[in-house]
Amino acid sequence: MRIGELSSLTGVSRRSLRYYEEQGLITSTRSEKGQRHYDGQQANRVDIIQTFFAAGLSSRVIVDMVPCMVNAPTVEVAHRSTEIMIAEGVRLDEAMARLEKARSVLDNLIRTSQEYLSRSTP
């Protein structure tokens, strides 16, 4: 598929797709006229990249974390990627715990406010 098709399919701009390719996150082949062509796997990779961005990972971390998405990694690269993935998993767990705590505090404030309003309105 061409870049416009991948963009439509994933909801990611053409500019972002070019950036992903420059970073080595996705790959394409080129036609004789120089147009990018992506295989069906690239849409899934873009979805994974978007999920990681939404979780707060930077493109640099994603590049270091998932070289196996594009190339067959060496054992050394696989070890390093695994270390990064584990560290990011810990970071996400900590972030989720902070979010859960914030949600709990917010729920308590909402309850307190609703109780006050129910007593204060005639």
PDB file of N, CA and C in Angstrom:
ATOM      1  N   MET A   1       0.837  -1.174   0.000  1.00  0.00           N
ATOM      2  CA  MET A   1       0.000   0.000   0.000  1.00  0.00           C
ATOM      3  C   MET A   1       0.881   1.236   0.000  1.00  0.00           C
ATOM      4  N   ARG A   2       0.359   2.288  -0.546  1.00  0.00           N
ATOM      5  CA  ARG A   2       1.115   3.543  -0.609  1.00  0.00           C
ATOM      6  C   ARG A   2       0.914   4.326   0.685  1.00  0.00           C
ATOM      7  N   ILE A   3       1.698   5.379   0.842  1.00  0.00           N
ATOM      8  CA  ILE A   3       1.703   6.129   2.099  1.00  0.00           C
ATOM      9  C   ILE A   3       0.331   6.718   2.422  1.00  0.00           C
ATOM     10  N   GLY A   4      -0.386   7.186   1.421  1.00  0.00           N
ATOM     11  CA  GLY A   4      -1.715   7.739   1.658  1.00  0.00           C
ATOM     12  C   GLY A   4      -2.685   6.690   2.178  1.00  0.00           C
ATOM     13  N   GLU A   5      -2.563   5.481   1.660  1.00  0.00           N
ATOM     14  CA  GLU A   5      -3.420   4.386   2.117  1.00  0.00           C
ATOM     15  C   GLU A   5      -3.091   4.009   3.559  1.00  0.00           C
ATOM     16  N   LEU A   6      -1.806   3.943   3.872  1.00  0.00           N
ATOM     17  CA  LEU A   6      -1.398   3.627   5.239  1.00  0.00           C
ATOM     18  C   LEU A   6      -1.852   4.735   6.188  1.00  0.00           C
ATOM     19  N   SER A   7      -1.753   5.960   5.745  1.00  0.00           N
ATOM     20  CA  SER A   7      -2.201   7.087   6.545  1.00  0.00           C
ATOM     21  C   SER A   7      -3.703   7.001   6.815  1.00  0.00           C
ATOM     22  N   SER A   8      -4.472   6.727   5.800  1.00  0.00           N
ATOM     23  CA  SER A   8      -5.923   6.599   5.967  1.00  0.00           C
ATOM     24  C   SER A   8      -6.282   5.427   6.873  1.00  0.00           C
ATOM     25  N   LEU A   9      -5.614   4.327   6.682  1.00  0.00           N
ATOM     26  CA  LEU A   9      -5.891   3.115   7.445  1.00  0.00           C
ATOM     27  C   LEU A   9      -5.579   3.287   8.927  1.00  0.00           C
ATOM     28  N   THR A  10      -4.497   3.992   9.228  1.00  0.00           N
ATOM     29  CA  THR A  10      -4.032   4.110  10.615  1.00  0.00           C
ATOM     30  C   THR A  10      -4.452   5.412  11.293  1.00  0.00           C
ATOM     31  N   GLY A  11      -4.836   6.409  10.503  1.00  0.00           N
ATOM     32  CA  GLY A  11      -5.160   7.716  11.077  1.00  0.00           C
ATOM     33  C   GLY A  11      -3.932   8.521  11.451  1.00  0.00           C
ATOM     34  N   VAL A  12      -2.786   8.113  10.949  1.00  0.00           N
ATOM     35  CA  VAL A  12      -1.517   8.790  11.239  1.00  0.00           C
ATOM     36  C   VAL A  12      -1.117   9.577   9.998  1.00  0.00           C
ATOM     37  N   SER A  13      -0.673  10.806  10.197  1.00  0.00           N
ATOM     38  CA  SER A  13      -0.338  11.667   9.060  1.00  0.00           C
ATOM     39  C   SER A  13       0.813  11.095   8.234  1.00  0.00           C
ATOM     40  N   ARG A  14       0.847  11.490   6.988  1.00  0.00           N
ATOM     41  CA  ARG A  14       1.946  11.076   6.111  1.00  0.00           C
ATOM     42  C   ARG A  14       3.278  11.551   6.654  1.00  0.00           C
ATOM     43  N   ARG A  15       3.280  12.742   7.197  1.00  0.00           N
ATOM     44  CA  ARG A  15       4.513  13.288   7.769  1.00  0.00           C
ATOM     45  C   ARG A  15       5.018  12.398   8.908  1.00  0.00           C
ATOM     46  N   SER A  16       4.097  11.981   9.780  1.00  0.00           N
ATOM     47  CA  SER A  16       4.493  11.105  10.891  1.00  0.00           C
ATOM     48  C   SER A  16       4.993   9.765  10.373  1.00  0.00           C
ATOM     49  N   LEU A  17       4.350   9.234   9.340  1.00  0.00           N
ATOM     50  CA  LEU A  17       4.792   7.962   8.768  1.00  0.00           C
ATOM     51  C   LEU A  17       6.201   8.080   8.203  1.00  0.00           C
ATOM     52  N   ARG A  18       6.486   9.198   7.547  1.00  0.00           N
ATOM     53  CA  ARG A  18       7.846   9.412   7.032  1.00  0.00           C
ATOM     54  C   ARG A  18       8.845   9.477   8.185  1.00  0.00           C
ATOM     55  N   TYR A  19       8.450  10.154   9.255  1.00  0.00           N
ATOM     56  CA  TYR A  19       9.305  10.246  10.439  1.00  0.00           C
ATOM     57  C   TYR A  19       9.540   8.859  11.027  1.00  0.00           C
ATOM     58  N   TYR A  20       8.499   8.049  11.151  1.00  0.00           N
ATOM     59  CA  TYR A  20       8.654   6.694  11.674  1.00  0.00           C
ATOM     60  C   TYR A  20       9.646   5.911  10.828  1.00  0.00           C
ATOM     61  N   GLU A  21       9.549   6.099   9.529  1.00  0.00           N
ATOM     62  CA  GLU A  21      10.465   5.384   8.639  1.00  0.00           C
ATOM     63  C   GLU A  21      11.898   5.894   8.812  1.00  0.00           C
ATOM     64  N   GLU A  22      12.071   7.201   8.934  1.00  0.00           N
ATOM     65  CA  GLU A  22      13.403   7.765   9.153  1.00  0.00           C
ATOM     66  C   GLU A  22      14.016   7.220  10.445  1.00  0.00           C
ATOM     67  N   GLN A  23      13.176   6.993  11.455  1.00  0.00           N
ATOM     68  CA  GLN A  23      13.645   6.491  12.745  1.00  0.00           C
ATOM     69  C   GLN A  23      13.878   4.981  12.740  1.00  0.00           C
ATOM     70  N   GLY A  24      13.459   4.307  11.671  1.00  0.00           N
ATOM     71  CA  GLY A  24      13.640   2.864  11.583  1.00  0.00           C
ATOM     72  C   GLY A  24      12.532   2.065  12.236  1.00  0.00           C
ATOM     73  N   LEU A  25      11.405   2.724  12.518  1.00  0.00           N
ATOM     74  CA  LEU A  25      10.293   2.044  13.165  1.00  0.00           C
ATOM     75  C   LEU A  25       9.422   1.262  12.180  1.00  0.00           C
ATOM     76  N   ILE A  26       9.335   1.750  10.958  1.00  0.00           N
ATOM     77  CA  ILE A  26       8.616   1.043   9.906  1.00  0.00           C
ATOM     78  C   ILE A  26       9.505   1.021   8.668  1.00  0.00           C
ATOM     79  N   THR A  27       9.171   0.150   7.737  1.00  0.00           N
ATOM     80  CA  THR A  27       9.963   0.046   6.517  1.00  0.00           C
ATOM     81  C   THR A  27       9.054   0.093   5.301  1.00  0.00           C
ATOM     82  N   SER A  28       9.643   0.472   4.193  1.00  0.00           N
ATOM     83  CA  SER A  28       8.923   0.478   2.921  1.00  0.00           C
ATOM     84  C   SER A  28       9.891   0.075   1.817  1.00  0.00           C
ATOM     85  N   THR A  29       9.309  -0.241   0.693  1.00  0.00           N
ATOM     86  CA  THR A  29      10.097  -0.405  -0.521  1.00  0.00           C
ATOM     87  C   THR A  29       9.756   0.782  -1.396  1.00  0.00           C
ATOM     88  N   ARG A  30      10.547   0.990  -2.417  1.00  0.00           N
ATOM     89  CA  ARG A  30      10.310   2.126  -3.322  1.00  0.00           C
ATOM     90  C   ARG A  30       9.994   1.621  -4.716  1.00  0.00           C
ATOM     91  N   SER A  31       9.039   2.300  -5.345  1.00  0.00           N
ATOM     92  CA  SER A  31       8.728   1.989  -6.734  1.00  0.00           C
ATOM     93  C   SER A  31       9.793   2.619  -7.621  1.00  0.00           C
ATOM     94  N   GLU A  32       9.730   2.348  -8.902  1.00  0.00           N
ATOM     95  CA  GLU A  32      10.686   2.957  -9.844  1.00  0.00           C
ATOM     96  C   GLU A  32      10.602   4.475  -9.821  1.00  0.00           C
ATOM     97  N   LYS A  33       9.409   4.985  -9.496  1.00  0.00           N
ATOM     98  CA  LYS A  33       9.220   6.440  -9.427  1.00  0.00           C
ATOM     99  C   LYS A  33       9.544   7.003  -8.048  1.00  0.00           C
ATOM    100  N   GLY A  34       9.998   6.137  -7.140  1.00  0.00           N
ATOM    101  CA  GLY A  34      10.402   6.596  -5.812  1.00  0.00           C
ATOM    102  C   GLY A  34       9.276   6.634  -4.794  1.00  0.00           C
ATOM    103  N   GLN A  35       8.097   6.142  -5.145  1.00  0.00           N
ATOM    104  CA  GLN A  35       6.985   6.150  -4.202  1.00  0.00           C
ATOM    105  C   GLN A  35       7.162   5.040  -3.169  1.00  0.00           C
ATOM    106  N   ARG A  36       6.798   5.370  -1.929  1.00  0.00           N
ATOM    107  CA  ARG A  36       6.886   4.383  -0.855  1.00  0.00           C
ATOM    108  C   ARG A  36       5.752   3.371  -0.993  1.00  0.00           C
ATOM    109  N   HIS A  37       6.086   2.120  -0.727  1.00  0.00           N
ATOM    110  CA  HIS A  37       5.086   1.050  -0.679  1.00  0.00           C
ATOM    111  C   HIS A  37       5.302   0.270   0.608  1.00  0.00           C
ATOM    112  N   TYR A  38       4.212   0.090   1.359  1.00  0.00           N
ATOM    113  CA  TYR A  38       4.269  -0.582   2.656  1.00  0.00           C
ATOM    114  C   TYR A  38       3.532  -1.911   2.577  1.00  0.00           C
ATOM    115  N   ASP A  39       4.073  -2.920   3.252  1.00  0.00           N
ATOM    116  CA  ASP A  39       3.355  -4.191   3.313  1.00  0.00           C
ATOM    117  C   ASP A  39       2.318  -4.120   4.431  1.00  0.00           C
ATOM    118  N   GLY A  40       1.487  -5.133   4.509  1.00  0.00           N
ATOM    119  CA  GLY A  40       0.399  -5.146   5.482  1.00  0.00           C
ATOM    120  C   GLY A  40       0.839  -5.116   6.932  1.00  0.00           C
ATOM    121  N   GLN A  41       2.060  -5.580   7.221  1.00  0.00           N
ATOM    122  CA  GLN A  41       2.580  -5.575   8.587  1.00  0.00           C
ATOM    123  C   GLN A  41       2.773  -4.161   9.140  1.00  0.00           C
ATOM    124  N   GLN A  42       2.977  -3.203   8.251  1.00  0.00           N
ATOM    125  CA  GLN A  42       3.308  -1.847   8.708  1.00  0.00           C
ATOM    126  C   GLN A  42       2.150  -1.194   9.453  1.00  0.00           C
ATOM    127  N   ALA A  43       0.915  -1.493   9.069  1.00  0.00           N
ATOM    128  CA  ALA A  43      -0.239  -0.912   9.775  1.00  0.00           C
ATOM    129  C   ALA A  43      -0.239  -1.367  11.234  1.00  0.00           C
ATOM    130  N   ASN A  44       0.063  -2.629  11.468  1.00  0.00           N
ATOM    131  CA  ASN A  44       0.142  -3.143  12.833  1.00  0.00           C
ATOM    132  C   ASN A  44       1.273  -2.458  13.594  1.00  0.00           C
ATOM    133  N   ARG A  45       2.407  -2.274  12.941  1.00  0.00           N
ATOM    134  CA  ARG A  45       3.538  -1.594  13.594  1.00  0.00           C
ATOM    135  C   ARG A  45       3.172  -0.162  13.961  1.00  0.00           C
ATOM    136  N   VAL A  46       2.477   0.528  13.055  1.00  0.00           N
ATOM    137  CA  VAL A  46       2.058   1.904  13.334  1.00  0.00           C
ATOM    138  C   VAL A  46       1.124   1.922  14.541  1.00  0.00           C
ATOM    139  N   ASP A  47       0.226   0.954  14.632  1.00  0.00           N
ATOM    140  CA  ASP A  47      -0.684   0.858  15.772  1.00  0.00           C
ATOM    141  C   ASP A  47       0.105   0.670  17.070  1.00  0.00           C
ATOM    142  N   ILE A  48       1.098  -0.192  17.050  1.00  0.00           N
ATOM    143  CA  ILE A  48       1.941  -0.416  18.227  1.00  0.00           C
ATOM    144  C   ILE A  48       2.682   0.868  18.601  1.00  0.00           C
ATOM    145  N   ILE A  49       3.233   1.544  17.605  1.00  0.00           N
ATOM    146  CA  ILE A  49       3.951   2.802  17.845  1.00  0.00           C
ATOM    147  C   ILE A  49       3.022   3.826  18.475  1.00  0.00           C
ATOM    148  N   GLN A  50       1.826   3.953  17.954  1.00  0.00           N
ATOM    149  CA  GLN A  50       0.853   4.901  18.500  1.00  0.00           C
ATOM    150  C   GLN A  50       0.483   4.548  19.938  1.00  0.00           C
ATOM    151  N   THR A  51       0.351   3.266  20.219  1.00  0.00           N
ATOM    152  CA  THR A  51       0.051   2.825  21.585  1.00  0.00           C
ATOM    153  C   THR A  51       1.181   3.221  22.534  1.00  0.00           C
ATOM    154  N   PHE A  52       2.413   3.016  22.089  1.00  0.00           N
ATOM    155  CA  PHE A  52       3.557   3.391  22.920  1.00  0.00           C
ATOM    156  C   PHE A  52       3.628   4.915  23.117  1.00  0.00           C
ATOM    157  N   PHE A  53       3.370   5.682  22.071  1.00  0.00           N
ATOM    158  CA  PHE A  53       3.355   7.144  22.218  1.00  0.00           C
ATOM    159  C   PHE A  53       2.284   7.563  23.229  1.00  0.00           C
ATOM    160  N   ALA A  54       1.108   6.960  23.135  1.00  0.00           N
ATOM    161  CA  ALA A  54       0.021   7.296  24.061  1.00  0.00           C
ATOM    162  C   ALA A  54       0.390   6.970  25.507  1.00  0.00           C
ATOM    163  N   ALA A  55       1.262   5.981  25.681  1.00  0.00           N
ATOM    164  CA  ALA A  55       1.710   5.599  27.023  1.00  0.00           C
ATOM    165  C   ALA A  55       2.864   6.468  27.514  1.00  0.00           C
ATOM    166  N   GLY A  56       3.306   7.401  26.688  1.00  0.00           N
ATOM    167  CA  GLY A  56       4.346   8.332  27.109  1.00  0.00           C
ATOM    168  C   GLY A  56       5.758   7.958  26.718  1.00  0.00           C
ATOM    169  N   LEU A  57       5.918   6.932  25.893  1.00  0.00           N
ATOM    170  CA  LEU A  57       7.255   6.562  25.449  1.00  0.00           C
ATOM    171  C   LEU A  57       7.698   7.504  24.336  1.00  0.00           C
ATOM    172  N   SER A  58       8.973   7.816  24.321  1.00  0.00           N
ATOM    173  CA  SER A  58       9.518   8.668  23.269  1.00  0.00           C
ATOM    174  C   SER A  58       9.888   7.816  22.056  1.00  0.00           C
ATOM    175  N   SER A  59      10.042   8.467  20.929  1.00  0.00           N
ATOM    176  CA  SER A  59      10.436   7.719  19.729  1.00  0.00           C
ATOM    177  C   SER A  59      11.810   7.085  19.914  1.00  0.00           C
ATOM    178  N   ARG A  60      12.707   7.739  20.644  1.00  0.00           N
ATOM    179  CA  ARG A  60      14.041   7.190  20.888  1.00  0.00           C
ATOM    180  C   ARG A  60      13.943   5.888  21.677  1.00  0.00           C
ATOM    181  N   VAL A  61      13.111   5.870  22.704  1.00  0.00           N
ATOM    182  CA  VAL A  61      12.941   4.653  23.497  1.00  0.00           C
ATOM    183  C   VAL A  61      12.318   3.556  22.640  1.00  0.00           C
ATOM    184  N   ILE A  62      11.326   3.931  21.837  1.00  0.00           N
ATOM    185  CA  ILE A  62      10.675   2.934  20.982  1.00  0.00           C
ATOM    186  C   ILE A  62      11.678   2.343  20.000  1.00  0.00           C
ATOM    187  N   VAL A  63      12.504   3.185  19.410  1.00  0.00           N
ATOM    188  CA  VAL A  63      13.528   2.698  18.468  1.00  0.00           C
ATOM    189  C   VAL A  63      14.456   1.708  19.166  1.00  0.00           C
ATOM    190  N   ASP A  64      14.896   2.047  20.370  1.00  0.00           N
ATOM    191  CA  ASP A  64      15.806   1.169  21.108  1.00  0.00           C
ATOM    192  C   ASP A  64      15.116  -0.100  21.600  1.00  0.00           C
ATOM    193  N   MET A  65      13.828   0.010  21.846  1.00  0.00           N
ATOM    194  CA  MET A  65      13.087  -1.077  22.448  1.00  0.00           C
ATOM    195  C   MET A  65      12.655  -2.143  21.441  1.00  0.00           C
ATOM    196  N   VAL A  66      12.367  -1.738  20.246  1.00  0.00           N
ATOM    197  CA  VAL A  66      11.740  -2.682  19.317  1.00  0.00           C
ATOM    198  C   VAL A  66      12.463  -2.821  17.975  1.00  0.00           C
ATOM    199  N   PRO A  67      13.775  -2.971  17.970  1.00  0.00           N
ATOM    200  CA  PRO A  67      14.426  -3.159  16.672  1.00  0.00           C
ATOM    201  C   PRO A  67      13.975  -4.451  16.001  1.00  0.00           C
ATOM    202  N   CYS A  68      13.509  -5.391  16.819  1.00  0.00           N
ATOM    203  CA  CYS A  68      13.063  -6.668  16.264  1.00  0.00           C
ATOM    204  C   CYS A  68      11.788  -6.520  15.442  1.00  0.00           C
ATOM    205  N   MET A  69      11.116  -5.371  15.522  1.00  0.00           N
ATOM    206  CA  MET A  69       9.942  -5.141  14.683  1.00  0.00           C
ATOM    207  C   MET A  69      10.343  -4.987  13.226  1.00  0.00           C
ATOM    208  N   VAL A  70      11.550  -4.534  12.996  1.00  0.00           N
ATOM    209  CA  VAL A  70      11.990  -4.249  11.632  1.00  0.00           C
ATOM    210  C   VAL A  70      13.006  -5.269  11.146  1.00  0.00           C
ATOM    211  N   ASN A  71      13.976  -5.585  11.969  1.00  0.00           N
ATOM    212  CA  ASN A  71      15.055  -6.494  11.571  1.00  0.00           C
ATOM    213  C   ASN A  71      15.156  -7.665  12.544  1.00  0.00           C
ATOM    214  N   ALA A  72      15.759  -8.737  12.089  1.00  0.00           N
ATOM    215  CA  ALA A  72      16.062  -9.843  12.993  1.00  0.00           C
ATOM    216  C   ALA A  72      17.216  -9.388  13.881  1.00  0.00           C
ATOM    217  N   PRO A  73      16.998  -9.308  15.198  1.00  0.00           N
ATOM    218  CA  PRO A  73      18.039  -8.776  16.067  1.00  0.00           C
ATOM    219  C   PRO A  73      19.124  -9.809  16.373  1.00  0.00           C
ATOM    220  N   THR A  74      20.279  -9.302  16.732  1.00  0.00           N
ATOM    221  CA  THR A  74      21.331 -10.169  17.268  1.00  0.00           C
ATOM    222  C   THR A  74      20.955 -10.481  18.710  1.00  0.00           C
ATOM    223  N   VAL A  75      21.626 -11.436  19.313  1.00  0.00           N
ATOM    224  CA  VAL A  75      21.369 -11.778  20.705  1.00  0.00           C
ATOM    225  C   VAL A  75      21.635 -10.562  21.591  1.00  0.00           C
ATOM    226  N   GLU A  76      22.705  -9.848  21.301  1.00  0.00           N
ATOM    227  CA  GLU A  76      23.050  -8.650  22.081  1.00  0.00           C
ATOM    228  C   GLU A  76      21.939  -7.612  21.992  1.00  0.00           C
ATOM    229  N   VAL A  77      21.450  -7.368  20.786  1.00  0.00           N
ATOM    230  CA  VAL A  77      20.363  -6.394  20.591  1.00  0.00           C
ATOM    231  C   VAL A  77      19.101  -6.873  21.307  1.00  0.00           C
ATOM    232  N   ALA A  78      18.807  -8.154  21.232  1.00  0.00           N
ATOM    233  CA  ALA A  78      17.624  -8.703  21.895  1.00  0.00           C
ATOM    234  C   ALA A  78      17.725  -8.533  23.410  1.00  0.00           C
ATOM    235  N   HIS A  79      18.926  -8.735  23.974  1.00  0.00           N
ATOM    236  CA  HIS A  79      19.118  -8.536  25.415  1.00  0.00           C
ATOM    237  C   HIS A  79      18.866  -7.075  25.781  1.00  0.00           C
ATOM    238  N   ARG A  80      19.453  -6.168  25.014  1.00  0.00           N
ATOM    239  CA  ARG A  80      19.294  -4.738  25.297  1.00  0.00           C
ATOM    240  C   ARG A  80      17.832  -4.320  25.161  1.00  0.00           C
ATOM    241  N   SER A  81      17.169  -4.789  24.116  1.00  0.00           N
ATOM    242  CA  SER A  81      15.748  -4.467  23.919  1.00  0.00           C
ATOM    243  C   SER A  81      14.907  -4.976  25.084  1.00  0.00           C
ATOM    244  N   THR A  82      15.217  -6.178  25.534  1.00  0.00           N
ATOM    245  CA  THR A  82      14.478  -6.762  26.653  1.00  0.00           C
ATOM    246  C   THR A  82      14.667  -5.936  27.919  1.00  0.00           C
ATOM    247  N   GLU A  83      15.898  -5.495  28.174  1.00  0.00           N
ATOM    248  CA  GLU A  83      16.156  -4.638  29.339  1.00  0.00           C
ATOM    249  C   GLU A  83      15.328  -3.355  29.264  1.00  0.00           C
ATOM    250  N   ILE A  84      15.287  -2.755  28.092  1.00  0.00           N
ATOM    251  CA  ILE A  84      14.523  -1.514  27.919  1.00  0.00           C
ATOM    252  C   ILE A  84      13.034  -1.783  28.113  1.00  0.00           C
ATOM    253  N   MET A  85      12.536  -2.888  27.538  1.00  0.00           N
ATOM    254  CA  MET A  85      11.117  -3.216  27.684  1.00  0.00           C
ATOM    255  C   MET A  85      10.749  -3.446  29.144  1.00  0.00           C
ATOM    256  N   ILE A  86      11.608  -4.135  29.881  1.00  0.00           N
ATOM    257  CA  ILE A  86      11.344  -4.369  31.302  1.00  0.00           C
ATOM    258  C   ILE A  86      11.317  -3.045  32.058  1.00  0.00           C
ATOM    259  N   ALA A  87      12.282  -2.178  31.798  1.00  0.00           N
ATOM    260  CA  ALA A  87      12.319  -0.868  32.460  1.00  0.00           C
ATOM    261  C   ALA A  87      11.073  -0.048  32.130  1.00  0.00           C
ATOM    262  N   GLU A  88      10.643  -0.085  30.884  1.00  0.00           N
ATOM    263  CA  GLU A  88       9.436   0.652  30.496  1.00  0.00           C
ATOM    264  C   GLU A  88       8.195   0.047  31.146  1.00  0.00           C
ATOM    265  N   GLY A  89       8.181  -1.279  31.299  1.00  0.00           N
ATOM    266  CA  GLY A  89       7.065  -1.921  31.997  1.00  0.00           C
ATOM    267  C   GLY A  89       6.976  -1.451  33.442  1.00  0.00           C
ATOM    268  N   VAL A  90       8.115  -1.363  34.100  1.00  0.00           N
ATOM    269  CA  VAL A  90       8.153  -0.859  35.481  1.00  0.00           C
ATOM    270  C   VAL A  90       7.678   0.591  35.522  1.00  0.00           C
ATOM    271  N   ARG A  91       8.162   1.407  34.580  1.00  0.00           N
ATOM    272  CA  ARG A  91       7.753   2.816  34.541  1.00  0.00           C
ATOM    273  C   ARG A  91       6.247   2.935  34.338  1.00  0.00           C
ATOM    274  N   LEU A  92       5.692   2.125  33.449  1.00  0.00           N
ATOM    275  CA  LEU A  92       4.245   2.158  33.203  1.00  0.00           C
ATOM    276  C   LEU A  92       3.468   1.699  34.436  1.00  0.00           C
ATOM    277  N   ASP A  93       3.954   0.652  35.125  1.00  0.00           N
ATOM    278  CA  ASP A  93       3.300   0.204  36.358  1.00  0.00           C
ATOM    279  C   ASP A  93       3.266   1.321  37.389  1.00  0.00           C
ATOM    280  N   GLU A  94       4.395   2.034  37.529  1.00  0.00           N
ATOM    281  CA  GLU A  94       4.453   3.143  38.484  1.00  0.00           C
ATOM    282  C   GLU A  94       3.509   4.270  38.081  1.00  0.00           C
ATOM    283  N   ALA A  95       3.455   4.561  36.794  1.00  0.00           N
ATOM    284  CA  ALA A  95       2.554   5.607  36.314  1.00  0.00           C
ATOM    285  C   ALA A  95       1.095   5.209  36.540  1.00  0.00           C
ATOM    286  N   MET A  96       0.775   3.942  36.308  1.00  0.00           N
ATOM    287  CA  MET A  96      -0.601   3.490  36.522  1.00  0.00           C
ATOM    288  C   MET A  96      -0.969   3.559  37.998  1.00  0.00           C
ATOM    289  N   ALA A  97      -0.031   3.244  38.878  1.00  0.00           N
ATOM    290  CA  ALA A  97      -0.293   3.338  40.317  1.00  0.00           C
ATOM    291  C   ALA A  97      -0.564   4.792  40.707  1.00  0.00           C
ATOM    292  N   ARG A  98       0.224   5.722  40.147  1.00  0.00           N
ATOM    293  CA  ARG A  98      -0.012   7.147  40.437  1.00  0.00           C
ATOM    294  C   ARG A  98      -1.377   7.578  39.909  1.00  0.00           C
ATOM    295  N   LEU A  99      -1.742   7.111  38.726  1.00  0.00           N
ATOM    296  CA  LEU A  99      -3.051   7.446  38.159  1.00  0.00           C
ATOM    297  C   LEU A  99      -4.188   6.863  38.990  1.00  0.00           C
ATOM    298  N   GLU A 100      -4.036   5.632  39.455  1.00  0.00           N
ATOM    299  CA  GLU A 100      -5.056   5.019  40.302  1.00  0.00           C
ATOM    300  C   GLU A 100      -5.228   5.802  41.598  1.00  0.00           C
ATOM    301  N   LYS A 101      -4.119   6.239  42.178  1.00  0.00           N
ATOM    302  CA  LYS A 101      -4.193   7.028  43.406  1.00  0.00           C
ATOM    303  C   LYS A 101      -4.882   8.360  43.131  1.00  0.00           C
ATOM    304  N   ALA A 102      -4.506   9.007  42.033  1.00  0.00           N
ATOM    305  CA  ALA A 102      -5.131  10.282  41.685  1.00  0.00           C
ATOM    306  C   ALA A 102      -6.630  10.095  41.449  1.00  0.00           C
ATOM    307  N   ARG A 103      -7.012   9.000  40.802  1.00  0.00           N
ATOM    308  CA  ARG A 103      -8.428   8.736  40.548  1.00  0.00           C
ATOM    309  C   ARG A 103      -9.178   8.533  41.856  1.00  0.00           C
ATOM    310  N   SER A 104      -8.574   7.823  42.793  1.00  0.00           N
ATOM    311  CA  SER A 104      -9.193   7.587  44.092  1.00  0.00           C
ATOM    312  C   SER A 104      -9.408   8.904  44.843  1.00  0.00           C
ATOM    313  N   VAL A 105      -8.392   9.751  44.843  1.00  0.00           N
ATOM    314  CA  VAL A 105      -8.508  11.058  45.493  1.00  0.00           C
ATOM    315  C   VAL A 105      -9.602  11.880  44.816  1.00  0.00           C
ATOM    316  N   LEU A 106      -9.621  11.862  43.492  1.00  0.00           N
ATOM    317  CA  LEU A 106     -10.645  12.600  42.754  1.00  0.00           C
ATOM    318  C   LEU A 106     -12.039  12.073  43.077  1.00  0.00           C
ATOM    319  N   ASP A 107     -12.205  10.747  43.122  1.00  0.00           N
ATOM    320  CA  ASP A 107     -13.505  10.163  43.461  1.00  0.00           C
ATOM    321  C   ASP A 107     -13.971  10.616  44.840  1.00  0.00           C
ATOM    322  N   ASN A 108     -13.042  10.666  45.803  1.00  0.00           N
ATOM    323  CA  ASN A 108     -13.392  11.135  47.149  1.00  0.00           C
ATOM    324  C   ASN A 108     -13.819  12.596  47.137  1.00  0.00           C
ATOM    325  N   LEU A 109     -13.115  13.411  46.375  1.00  0.00           N
ATOM    326  CA  LEU A 109     -13.486  14.826  46.281  1.00  0.00           C
ATOM    327  C   LEU A 109     -14.853  14.995  45.617  1.00  0.00           C
ATOM    328  N   ILE A 110     -15.117  14.203  44.606  1.00  0.00           N
ATOM    329  CA  ILE A 110     -16.426  14.265  43.935  1.00  0.00           C
ATOM    330  C   ILE A 110     -17.528  13.890  44.929  1.00  0.00           C
ATOM    331  N   ARG A 111     -17.334  12.798  45.675  1.00  0.00           N
ATOM    332  CA  ARG A 111     -18.328  12.372  46.669  1.00  0.00           C
ATOM    333  C   ARG A 111     -18.560  13.461  47.713  1.00  0.00           C
ATOM    334  N   THR A 112     -17.460  14.043  48.201  1.00  0.00           N
ATOM    335  CA  THR A 112     -17.573  15.110  49.194  1.00  0.00           C
ATOM    336  C   THR A 112     -18.347  16.287  48.626  1.00  0.00           C
ATOM    337  N   SER A 113     -18.046  16.655  47.397  1.00  0.00           N
ATOM    338  CA  SER A 113     -18.737  17.773  46.757  1.00  0.00           C
ATOM    339  C   SER A 113     -20.212  17.457  46.540  1.00  0.00           C
ATOM    340  N   GLN A 114     -20.516  16.262  46.111  1.00  0.00           N
ATOM    341  CA  GLN A 114     -21.915  15.883  45.879  1.00  0.00           C
ATOM    342  C   GLN A 114     -22.697  15.845  47.192  1.00  0.00           C
ATOM    343  N   GLU A 115     -22.058  15.352  48.256  1.00  0.00           N
ATOM    344  CA  GLU A 115     -22.718  15.333  49.562  1.00  0.00           C
ATOM    345  C   GLU A 115     -22.995  16.755  50.034  1.00  0.00           C
ATOM    346  N   TYR A 116     -22.036  17.639  49.863  1.00  0.00           N
ATOM    347  CA  TYR A 116     -22.219  19.037  50.232  1.00  0.00           C
ATOM    348  C   TYR A 116     -23.367  19.638  49.427  1.00  0.00           C
ATOM    349  N   LEU A 117     -23.369  19.399  48.130  1.00  0.00           N
ATOM    350  CA  LEU A 117     -24.435  19.964  47.288  1.00  0.00           C
ATOM    351  C   LEU A 117     -25.802  19.406  47.650  1.00  0.00           C
ATOM    352  N   SER A 118     -25.864  18.134  47.983  1.00  0.00           N
ATOM    353  CA  SER A 118     -27.168  17.536  48.336  1.00  0.00           C
ATOM    354  C   SER A 118     -27.695  18.112  49.639  1.00  0.00           C
ATOM    355  N   ARG A 119     -26.819  18.505  50.570  1.00  0.00           N
ATOM    356  CA  ARG A 119     -27.239  19.113  51.837  1.00  0.00           C
ATOM    357  C   ARG A 119     -27.522  20.600  51.663  1.00  0.00           C
ATOM    358  N   SER A 120     -26.914  21.222  50.676  1.00  0.00           N
ATOM    359  CA  SER A 120     -26.995  22.681  50.535  1.00  0.00           C
ATOM    360  C   SER A 120     -28.114  23.143  49.641  1.00  0.00           C
ATOM    361  N   THR A 121     -28.639  22.294  48.799  1.00  0.00           N
ATOM    362  CA  THR A 121     -29.694  22.723  47.876  1.00  0.00           C
ATOM    363  C   THR A 121     -31.055  22.423  48.472  1.00  0.00           C
ATOM    364  N   PRO A 122     -31.940  23.445  48.429  1.00  0.00           N
ATOM    365  CA  PRO A 122     -33.283  23.274  48.999  1.00  0.00           C
ATOM    366  C   PRO A 122     -34.149  22.336  48.204  1.00  0.00           C
TER     367      PRO A 122
END
